[in-house]
Amino acid sequence: MPELLEADLADGVRGVFTGRDLHAAPLPVGQPGNLAHRRPHRPRDLAAARRAVATATGTDPTTWHLLHQVHGIEVAVVDQHVPAGTELRGFDGAVTAHAGRALVVQAADCAPLLLAGGGAVGVAHAGRAGVLGGVVEVTVARLREVGETGQVRAVLGPTIGPCCYEVPAALQATAERQVPGISATTTWGTPSLDLPGAVLRQLEALEVRVAATRPACTRCDERFFSHRRDPGSGRQVGLIVRERQDARDGRAGTAGP
């Protein structure tokens, strides 16, 4: 079973982040708990890991809306015209106001972001290019367009931290001009970027309430996949769904006193 972290967002909204399955035996290719189907390619293990996450979240993995991410700022709106289970190709964000539609973002150092507010939910893949280009702002705007007026809450998942996100000095300078305050220094003294810090500041500027503190660093914390630490190991996901009323009633009916 992949590592599973609950995201505290809103009543009737289920949000989770996954990680590696540290209890399973190591594999020659990839690592247990991988939720991405492109790399590495282990269909049977992938199906089992997705079923485990789906069971834990009360969802159906065949109906998940996964993003085919391109490090851009395009955000998909999942409405009644989008068939359940459609992969959202060319998008780095997605929003929906439809209950039961699970949105899934994949990451392995980039920032996976879950959002909820006004009867709508959303996800964003906030890598360096997306953060510099405005994917956070666009996703929040789309969420507010499809949802009713109300407070937006967000949780940022496991992300590479400024301690480990080493970049060339020239790239750091360019990023700093675009997003002031993103510059940082690694623990070994070289230029880096503070990706989670930049996302959190952008959310604050948009008056989004962040429901958790800074996330774990994926490169430091071996519970999570990290492209910098092990590029071929796989990806974790962030999943969010607004539960249908019947599902909520069913869960309430089985609760103890």
C-alpha atoms as a PDB file:
ATOM      1  CA  MET A   1       0.000   0.000   0.000  1.00  0.00           C
ATOM      2  CA  PRO A   2       1.485   3.397  -0.962  1.00  0.00           C
ATOM      3  CA  GLU A   3       2.068   5.952   1.770  1.00  0.00           C
ATOM      4  CA  LEU A   4      -1.176   7.911   2.221  1.00  0.00           C
ATOM      5  CA  LEU A   5      -1.402  11.412   3.694  1.00  0.00           C
ATOM      6  CA  GLU A   6      -4.813  12.981   4.293  1.00  0.00           C
ATOM      7  CA  ALA A   7      -5.320  16.606   3.211  1.00  0.00           C
ATOM      8  CA  ASP A   8      -7.644  18.633   5.453  1.00  0.00           C
ATOM      9  CA  LEU A   9      -9.692  20.763   3.077  1.00  0.00           C
ATOM     10  CA  ALA A  10     -13.468  20.975   3.582  1.00  0.00           C
ATOM     11  CA  ASP A  11     -16.487  18.980   4.671  1.00  0.00           C
ATOM     12  CA  GLY A  12     -17.495  16.541   1.949  1.00  0.00           C
ATOM     13  CA  VAL A  13     -14.112  16.805   0.190  1.00  0.00           C
ATOM     14  CA  ARG A  14     -11.587  13.966   0.236  1.00  0.00           C
ATOM     15  CA  GLY A  15      -7.989  14.865  -0.516  1.00  0.00           C
ATOM     16  CA  VAL A  16      -4.885  12.679  -0.225  1.00  0.00           C
ATOM     17  CA  PHE A  17      -1.253  12.573  -1.236  1.00  0.00           C
ATOM     18  CA  THR A  18       0.469   9.266  -1.829  1.00  0.00           C
ATOM     19  CA  GLY A  19       4.071   8.180  -1.472  1.00  0.00           C
ATOM     20  CA  ARG A  20       6.243   5.098  -1.800  1.00  0.00           C
ATOM     21  CA  ASP A  21       5.335   1.720  -0.322  1.00  0.00           C
ATOM     22  CA  LEU A  22       8.225   1.330   2.088  1.00  0.00           C
ATOM     23  CA  HIS A  23       6.956  -2.012   3.399  1.00  0.00           C
ATOM     24  CA  ALA A  24       7.240  -3.774   0.036  1.00  0.00           C
ATOM     25  CA  ALA A  25      10.411  -5.418  -1.253  1.00  0.00           C
ATOM     26  CA  PRO A  26      12.533  -3.246  -3.600  1.00  0.00           C
ATOM     27  CA  LEU A  27      12.045  -3.778  -7.324  1.00  0.00           C
ATOM     28  CA  PRO A  28      14.689  -3.964 -10.072  1.00  0.00           C
ATOM     29  CA  VAL A  29      12.834  -1.279 -12.047  1.00  0.00           C
ATOM     30  CA  GLY A  30      10.843   1.446 -10.328  1.00  0.00           C
ATOM     31  CA  GLN A  31       9.761   1.336  -6.704  1.00  0.00           C
ATOM     32  CA  PRO A  32       6.620   0.052  -4.945  1.00  0.00           C
ATOM     33  CA  GLY A  33       3.825   2.580  -4.633  1.00  0.00           C
ATOM     34  CA  ASN A  34       4.388   4.188  -8.038  1.00  0.00           C
ATOM     35  CA  LEU A  35       1.134   5.680  -9.397  1.00  0.00           C
ATOM     36  CA  ALA A  36       2.377   6.920 -12.812  1.00  0.00           C
ATOM     37  CA  HIS A  37       1.845   4.765 -15.899  1.00  0.00           C
ATOM     38  CA  ARG A  38       4.566   6.221 -18.131  1.00  0.00           C
ATOM     39  CA  ARG A  39       7.732   5.579 -16.170  1.00  0.00           C
ATOM     40  CA  PRO A  40       8.547   2.957 -15.194  1.00  0.00           C
ATOM     41  CA  HIS A  41       6.170   0.654 -17.051  1.00  0.00           C
ATOM     42  CA  ARG A  42       4.946  -2.037 -14.621  1.00  0.00           C
ATOM     43  CA  PRO A  43       1.218  -2.435 -15.433  1.00  0.00           C
ATOM     44  CA  ARG A  44       0.378  -5.100 -12.847  1.00  0.00           C
ATOM     45  CA  ASP A  45       2.065  -3.280  -9.967  1.00  0.00           C
ATOM     46  CA  LEU A  46       0.573   0.022 -11.108  1.00  0.00           C
ATOM     47  CA  ALA A  47      -2.943  -1.427 -11.186  1.00  0.00           C
ATOM     48  CA  ALA A  48      -2.532  -2.874  -7.696  1.00  0.00           C
ATOM     49  CA  ALA A  49      -1.224   0.396  -6.271  1.00  0.00           C
ATOM     50  CA  ARG A  50      -4.062   2.377  -7.859  1.00  0.00           C
ATOM     51  CA  ARG A  51      -6.649  -0.077  -6.560  1.00  0.00           C
ATOM     52  CA  ALA A  52      -5.257   0.303  -3.051  1.00  0.00           C
ATOM     53  CA  VAL A  53      -5.478   4.097  -3.206  1.00  0.00           C
ATOM     54  CA  ALA A  54      -8.936   3.942  -4.785  1.00  0.00           C
ATOM     55  CA  THR A  55     -10.208   1.645  -2.035  1.00  0.00           C
ATOM     56  CA  ALA A  56      -8.793   3.931   0.648  1.00  0.00           C
ATOM     57  CA  THR A  57     -10.423   6.998  -0.925  1.00  0.00           C
ATOM     58  CA  GLY A  58     -13.731   5.464  -1.981  1.00  0.00           C
ATOM     59  CA  THR A  59     -13.065   6.142  -5.667  1.00  0.00           C
ATOM     60  CA  ASP A  60     -12.823   4.128  -8.877  1.00  0.00           C
ATOM     61  CA  PRO A  61      -9.377   4.319 -10.539  1.00  0.00           C
ATOM     62  CA  THR A  62     -10.938   3.840 -13.992  1.00  0.00           C
ATOM     63  CA  THR A  63     -12.787   7.137 -13.557  1.00  0.00           C
ATOM     64  CA  TRP A  64      -9.887   9.217 -12.257  1.00  0.00           C
ATOM     65  CA  HIS A  65      -9.020  12.304 -14.298  1.00  0.00           C
ATOM     66  CA  LEU A  66      -5.225  12.258 -14.523  1.00  0.00           C
ATOM     67  CA  LEU A  67      -3.295  15.148 -16.000  1.00  0.00           C
ATOM     68  CA  HIS A  68      -0.867  14.570 -18.860  1.00  0.00           C
ATOM     69  CA  GLN A  69       1.361  17.374 -17.619  1.00  0.00           C
ATOM     70  CA  VAL A  70       3.579  19.532 -19.839  1.00  0.00           C
ATOM     71  CA  HIS A  71       4.960  22.105 -17.349  1.00  0.00           C
ATOM     72  CA  GLY A  72       2.537  24.727 -18.629  1.00  0.00           C
ATOM     73  CA  ILE A  73      -0.308  26.806 -17.194  1.00  0.00           C
ATOM     74  CA  GLU A  74      -3.353  25.420 -19.021  1.00  0.00           C
ATOM     75  CA  VAL A  75      -6.183  24.380 -16.696  1.00  0.00           C
ATOM     76  CA  ALA A  76      -8.971  21.996 -17.720  1.00  0.00           C
ATOM     77  CA  VAL A  77     -12.586  22.367 -16.612  1.00  0.00           C
ATOM     78  CA  VAL A  78     -14.151  18.939 -16.042  1.00  0.00           C
ATOM     79  CA  ASP A  79     -17.889  19.304 -16.621  1.00  0.00           C
ATOM     80  CA  GLN A  80     -20.748  17.063 -17.770  1.00  0.00           C
ATOM     81  CA  HIS A  81     -19.325  16.978 -21.301  1.00  0.00           C
ATOM     82  CA  VAL A  82     -16.062  15.312 -20.180  1.00  0.00           C
ATOM     83  CA  PRO A  83     -16.447  11.515 -19.896  1.00  0.00           C
ATOM     84  CA  ALA A  84     -15.425  10.026 -16.558  1.00  0.00           C
ATOM     85  CA  GLY A  85     -11.860   8.715 -16.651  1.00  0.00           C
ATOM     86  CA  THR A  86     -10.693  11.012 -19.468  1.00  0.00           C
ATOM     87  CA  GLU A  87      -6.982  11.804 -19.285  1.00  0.00           C
ATOM     88  CA  LEU A  88      -6.533  15.576 -19.469  1.00  0.00           C
ATOM     89  CA  ARG A  89      -3.757  15.876 -22.025  1.00  0.00           C
ATOM     90  CA  GLY A  90      -1.671  19.051 -22.163  1.00  0.00           C
ATOM     91  CA  PHE A  91      -2.953  20.406 -18.856  1.00  0.00           C
ATOM     92  CA  ASP A  92      -1.169  21.209 -15.607  1.00  0.00           C
ATOM     93  CA  GLY A  93      -4.305  22.008 -13.663  1.00  0.00           C
ATOM     94  CA  ALA A  94      -7.931  20.938 -13.512  1.00  0.00           C
ATOM     95  CA  VAL A  95     -11.102  22.016 -11.718  1.00  0.00           C
ATOM     96  CA  THR A  96     -14.603  20.578 -11.406  1.00  0.00           C
ATOM     97  CA  ALA A  97     -17.859  21.403  -9.675  1.00  0.00           C
ATOM     98  CA  HIS A  98     -19.201  17.863 -10.179  1.00  0.00           C
ATOM     99  CA  ALA A  99     -19.337  15.541  -7.193  1.00  0.00           C
ATOM    100  CA  GLY A 100     -17.675  12.167  -7.669  1.00  0.00           C
ATOM    101  CA  ARG A 101     -15.138  13.388 -10.241  1.00  0.00           C
ATOM    102  CA  ALA A 102     -11.692  12.569  -8.857  1.00  0.00           C
ATOM    103  CA  LEU A 103      -8.897  14.839 -10.115  1.00  0.00           C
ATOM    104  CA  VAL A 104      -5.337  13.495  -9.916  1.00  0.00           C
ATOM    105  CA  VAL A 105      -2.000  15.322 -10.222  1.00  0.00           C
ATOM    106  CA  GLN A 106       1.304  13.423 -10.476  1.00  0.00           C
ATOM    107  CA  ALA A 107       4.637  14.629  -9.092  1.00  0.00           C
ATOM    108  CA  ALA A 108       8.102  13.549  -8.031  1.00  0.00           C
ATOM    109  CA  ASP A 109       9.670  16.864  -6.875  1.00  0.00           C
ATOM    110  CA  CYS A 110       7.291  19.417  -8.413  1.00  0.00           C
ATOM    111  CA  ALA A 111       4.590  20.791  -6.131  1.00  0.00           C
ATOM    112  CA  PRO A 112       1.229  18.945  -6.202  1.00  0.00           C
ATOM    113  CA  LEU A 113      -1.533  21.325  -5.111  1.00  0.00           C
ATOM    114  CA  LEU A 114      -5.081  20.456  -4.004  1.00  0.00           C
ATOM    115  CA  LEU A 115      -7.777  23.143  -3.776  1.00  0.00           C
ATOM    116  CA  ALA A 116     -11.390  23.274  -2.625  1.00  0.00           C
ATOM    117  CA  GLY A 117     -13.939  26.033  -2.329  1.00  0.00           C
ATOM    118  CA  GLY A 118     -17.459  27.067  -3.227  1.00  0.00           C
ATOM    119  CA  GLY A 119     -18.595  23.571  -4.179  1.00  0.00           C
ATOM    120  CA  ALA A 120     -15.653  23.029  -6.556  1.00  0.00           C
ATOM    121  CA  VAL A 121     -12.317  21.235  -6.269  1.00  0.00           C
ATOM    122  CA  GLY A 122      -9.092  21.516  -8.225  1.00  0.00           C
ATOM    123  CA  VAL A 123      -5.529  20.321  -8.654  1.00  0.00           C
ATOM    124  CA  ALA A 124      -2.377  21.930 -10.018  1.00  0.00           C
ATOM    125  CA  HIS A 125       1.063  20.666 -11.012  1.00  0.00           C
ATOM    126  CA  ALA A 126       3.305  23.516  -9.891  1.00  0.00           C
ATOM    127  CA  GLY A 127       6.800  22.854 -11.185  1.00  0.00           C
ATOM    128  CA  ARG A 128       9.338  25.607 -11.709  1.00  0.00           C
ATOM    129  CA  ALA A 129       8.013  26.566 -15.145  1.00  0.00           C
ATOM    130  CA  GLY A 130       4.416  26.492 -13.952  1.00  0.00           C
ATOM    131  CA  VAL A 131       5.091  28.600 -10.868  1.00  0.00           C
ATOM    132  CA  LEU A 132       7.009  31.163 -12.904  1.00  0.00           C
ATOM    133  CA  GLY A 133       4.309  31.169 -15.595  1.00  0.00           C
ATOM    134  CA  GLY A 134       1.319  31.494 -13.279  1.00  0.00           C
ATOM    135  CA  VAL A 135      -0.302  28.041 -13.035  1.00  0.00           C
ATOM    136  CA  VAL A 136      -1.309  28.682  -9.413  1.00  0.00           C
ATOM    137  CA  GLU A 137      -3.085  31.924 -10.281  1.00  0.00           C
ATOM    138  CA  VAL A 138      -4.847  30.405 -13.303  1.00  0.00           C
ATOM    139  CA  THR A 139      -6.036  27.352 -11.351  1.00  0.00           C
ATOM    140  CA  VAL A 140      -7.445  29.470  -8.521  1.00  0.00           C
ATOM    141  CA  ALA A 141      -9.194  31.717 -11.054  1.00  0.00           C
ATOM    142  CA  ARG A 142     -10.783  28.717 -12.827  1.00  0.00           C
ATOM    143  CA  LEU A 143     -11.859  27.254  -9.481  1.00  0.00           C
ATOM    144  CA  ARG A 144     -13.602  30.497  -8.572  1.00  0.00           C
ATOM    145  CA  GLU A 145     -15.267  30.634 -11.983  1.00  0.00           C
ATOM    146  CA  VAL A 146     -16.878  27.182 -11.689  1.00  0.00           C
ATOM    147  CA  GLY A 147     -17.613  27.302  -7.960  1.00  0.00           C
ATOM    148  CA  GLU A 148     -19.863  29.490  -5.911  1.00  0.00           C
ATOM    149  CA  THR A 149     -18.540  32.442  -3.951  1.00  0.00           C
ATOM    150  CA  GLY A 150     -16.661  31.256  -0.900  1.00  0.00           C
ATOM    151  CA  GLN A 151     -13.322  30.772   0.791  1.00  0.00           C
ATOM    152  CA  VAL A 152     -10.805  28.692  -1.167  1.00  0.00           C
ATOM    153  CA  ARG A 153      -8.627  26.335   0.843  1.00  0.00           C
ATOM    154  CA  ALA A 154      -5.456  24.650  -0.379  1.00  0.00           C
ATOM    155  CA  VAL A 155      -3.004  21.977   0.700  1.00  0.00           C
ATOM    156  CA  LEU A 156       0.451  21.678  -0.838  1.00  0.00           C
ATOM    157  CA  GLY A 157       1.829  18.160  -1.081  1.00  0.00           C
ATOM    158  CA  PRO A 158       5.374  16.777  -0.766  1.00  0.00           C
ATOM    159  CA  THR A 159       7.733  18.953  -2.824  1.00  0.00           C
ATOM    160  CA  ILE A 160      11.454  19.343  -3.228  1.00  0.00           C
ATOM    161  CA  GLY A 161      12.576  21.985  -0.762  1.00  0.00           C
ATOM    162  CA  PRO A 162      15.050  24.861  -1.046  1.00  0.00           C
ATOM    163  CA  CYS A 163      17.467  22.648   0.880  1.00  0.00           C
ATOM    164  CA  CYS A 164      17.842  20.406  -2.183  1.00  0.00           C
ATOM    165  CA  TYR A 165      16.534  22.180  -5.310  1.00  0.00           C
ATOM    166  CA  GLU A 166      19.938  23.161  -6.718  1.00  0.00           C
ATOM    167  CA  VAL A 167      19.917  25.252  -9.917  1.00  0.00           C
ATOM    168  CA  PRO A 168      22.521  27.216 -11.908  1.00  0.00           C
ATOM    169  CA  ALA A 169      23.059  30.762 -10.676  1.00  0.00           C
ATOM    170  CA  ALA A 170      21.839  32.232 -13.975  1.00  0.00           C
ATOM    171  CA  LEU A 171      18.563  30.281 -13.762  1.00  0.00           C
ATOM    172  CA  GLN A 172      18.123  31.372 -10.157  1.00  0.00           C
ATOM    173  CA  ALA A 173      18.581  35.031 -11.152  1.00  0.00           C
ATOM    174  CA  THR A 174      16.012  34.715 -13.946  1.00  0.00           C
ATOM    175  CA  ALA A 175      13.511  33.047 -11.630  1.00  0.00           C
ATOM    176  CA  GLU A 176      14.040  35.719  -8.976  1.00  0.00           C
ATOM    177  CA  ARG A 177      13.205  38.469 -11.461  1.00  0.00           C
ATOM    178  CA  GLN A 178       9.933  36.703 -12.308  1.00  0.00           C
ATOM    179  CA  VAL A 179       8.965  35.609  -8.799  1.00  0.00           C
ATOM    180  CA  PRO A 180      10.749  37.715  -6.174  1.00  0.00           C
ATOM    181  CA  GLY A 181      11.706  35.756  -3.081  1.00  0.00           C
ATOM    182  CA  ILE A 182      12.082  32.388  -4.792  1.00  0.00           C
ATOM    183  CA  SER A 183      15.892  32.391  -4.448  1.00  0.00           C
ATOM    184  CA  ALA A 184      17.413  30.209  -1.746  1.00  0.00           C
ATOM    185  CA  THR A 185      20.536  28.220  -0.887  1.00  0.00           C
ATOM    186  CA  THR A 186      20.995  24.453  -0.608  1.00  0.00           C
ATOM    187  CA  THR A 187      22.269  22.884   2.573  1.00  0.00           C
ATOM    188  CA  TRP A 188      25.628  22.486   0.824  1.00  0.00           C
ATOM    189  CA  GLY A 189      25.834  26.200  -0.075  1.00  0.00           C
ATOM    190  CA  THR A 190      24.857  26.390  -3.763  1.00  0.00           C
ATOM    191  CA  PRO A 191      22.059  28.391  -5.466  1.00  0.00           C
ATOM    192  CA  SER A 192      18.590  26.893  -5.180  1.00  0.00           C
ATOM    193  CA  LEU A 193      14.910  27.753  -5.554  1.00  0.00           C
ATOM    194  CA  ASP A 194      12.279  27.731  -2.818  1.00  0.00           C
ATOM    195  CA  LEU A 195       9.441  26.215  -4.822  1.00  0.00           C
ATOM    196  CA  PRO A 196       7.034  25.522  -1.933  1.00  0.00           C
ATOM    197  CA  GLY A 197       7.655  28.965  -0.473  1.00  0.00           C
ATOM    198  CA  ALA A 198       6.844  30.616  -3.796  1.00  0.00           C
ATOM    199  CA  VAL A 199       3.600  28.628  -4.141  1.00  0.00           C
ATOM    200  CA  LEU A 200       2.525  29.488  -0.594  1.00  0.00           C
ATOM    201  CA  ARG A 201       3.184  33.196  -1.150  1.00  0.00           C
ATOM    202  CA  GLN A 202       1.196  33.121  -4.383  1.00  0.00           C
ATOM    203  CA  LEU A 203      -1.713  31.468  -2.580  1.00  0.00           C
ATOM    204  CA  GLU A 204      -1.565  34.074   0.182  1.00  0.00           C
ATOM    205  CA  ALA A 205      -1.652  36.889  -2.394  1.00  0.00           C
ATOM    206  CA  LEU A 206      -4.756  35.273  -3.904  1.00  0.00           C
ATOM    207  CA  GLU A 207      -6.413  35.163  -0.445  1.00  0.00           C
ATOM    208  CA  VAL A 208      -6.417  31.372  -0.433  1.00  0.00           C
ATOM    209  CA  ARG A 209      -6.348  29.789   3.002  1.00  0.00           C
ATOM    210  CA  VAL A 210      -3.561  27.224   3.249  1.00  0.00           C
ATOM    211  CA  ALA A 211      -4.681  24.328   5.406  1.00  0.00           C
ATOM    212  CA  ALA A 212      -1.249  22.969   6.315  1.00  0.00           C
ATOM    213  CA  THR A 213       2.331  24.010   6.929  1.00  0.00           C
ATOM    214  CA  ARG A 214       5.244  23.557   4.549  1.00  0.00           C
ATOM    215  CA  PRO A 215       5.347  20.068   3.021  1.00  0.00           C
ATOM    216  CA  ALA A 216       8.067  17.473   3.382  1.00  0.00           C
ATOM    217  CA  CYS A 217      11.023  17.701   0.996  1.00  0.00           C
ATOM    218  CA  THR A 218      10.778  14.832  -1.483  1.00  0.00           C
ATOM    219  CA  ARG A 219      14.534  14.515  -1.929  1.00  0.00           C
ATOM    220  CA  CYS A 220      15.205  14.382   1.819  1.00  0.00           C
ATOM    221  CA  ASP A 221      12.256  12.239   2.857  1.00  0.00           C
ATOM    222  CA  GLU A 222      12.468   8.686   1.514  1.00  0.00           C
ATOM    223  CA  ARG A 223       8.732   8.147   2.015  1.00  0.00           C
ATOM    224  CA  PHE A 224       8.291   9.966  -1.307  1.00  0.00           C
ATOM    225  CA  PHE A 225       9.422   9.623  -4.898  1.00  0.00           C
ATOM    226  CA  SER A 226      12.031  12.152  -6.007  1.00  0.00           C
ATOM    227  CA  HIS A 227      13.260  12.706  -9.534  1.00  0.00           C
ATOM    228  CA  ARG A 228      16.455  14.280  -8.189  1.00  0.00           C
ATOM    229  CA  ARG A 229      17.206  11.338  -5.877  1.00  0.00           C
ATOM    230  CA  ASP A 230      16.056   8.492  -8.150  1.00  0.00           C
ATOM    231  CA  PRO A 231      14.668   9.597 -11.539  1.00  0.00           C
ATOM    232  CA  GLY A 232      13.422   6.168 -12.589  1.00  0.00           C
ATOM    233  CA  SER A 233      11.578   5.195  -9.419  1.00  0.00           C
ATOM    234  CA  GLY A 234       8.114   6.586 -10.167  1.00  0.00           C
ATOM    235  CA  ARG A 235       5.603   9.227  -9.137  1.00  0.00           C
ATOM    236  CA  GLN A 236       3.242   9.924  -6.265  1.00  0.00           C
ATOM    237  CA  VAL A 237      -0.095  11.630  -6.752  1.00  0.00           C
ATOM    238  CA  GLY A 238      -2.384  14.142  -5.155  1.00  0.00           C
ATOM    239  CA  LEU A 239      -6.046  13.154  -5.454  1.00  0.00           C
ATOM    240  CA  ILE A 240      -9.113  15.223  -4.638  1.00  0.00           C
ATOM    241  CA  VAL A 241     -12.820  14.492  -4.995  1.00  0.00           C
ATOM    242  CA  ARG A 242     -16.004  16.115  -3.731  1.00  0.00           C
ATOM    243  CA  GLU A 243     -17.987  13.211  -2.401  1.00  0.00           C
ATOM    244  CA  ARG A 244     -21.510  12.467  -3.606  1.00  0.00           C
ATOM    245  CA  GLN A 245     -24.195  12.868  -0.963  1.00  0.00           C
ATOM    246  CA  ASP A 246     -25.021   9.146  -1.020  1.00  0.00           C
ATOM    247  CA  ALA A 247     -21.382   8.278  -0.326  1.00  0.00           C
ATOM    248  CA  ARG A 248     -21.294  10.727   2.584  1.00  0.00           C
ATOM    249  CA  ASP A 249     -24.527   9.332   3.977  1.00  0.00           C
ATOM    250  CA  GLY A 250     -23.166   5.789   3.692  1.00  0.00           C
ATOM    251  CA  ARG A 251     -20.015   6.662   5.570  1.00  0.00           C
ATOM    252  CA  ALA A 252     -22.002   8.453   8.244  1.00  0.00           C
ATOM    253  CA  GLY A 253     -24.274   5.409   8.629  1.00  0.00           C
ATOM    254  CA  THR A 254     -21.325   3.134   9.395  1.00  0.00           C
ATOM    255  CA  ALA A 255     -19.710   5.456  11.908  1.00  0.00           C
ATOM    256  CA  GLY A 256     -19.525   4.345  15.521  1.00  0.00           C
ATOM    257  CA  PRO A 257     -20.962   6.287  18.481  1.00  0.00           C
END
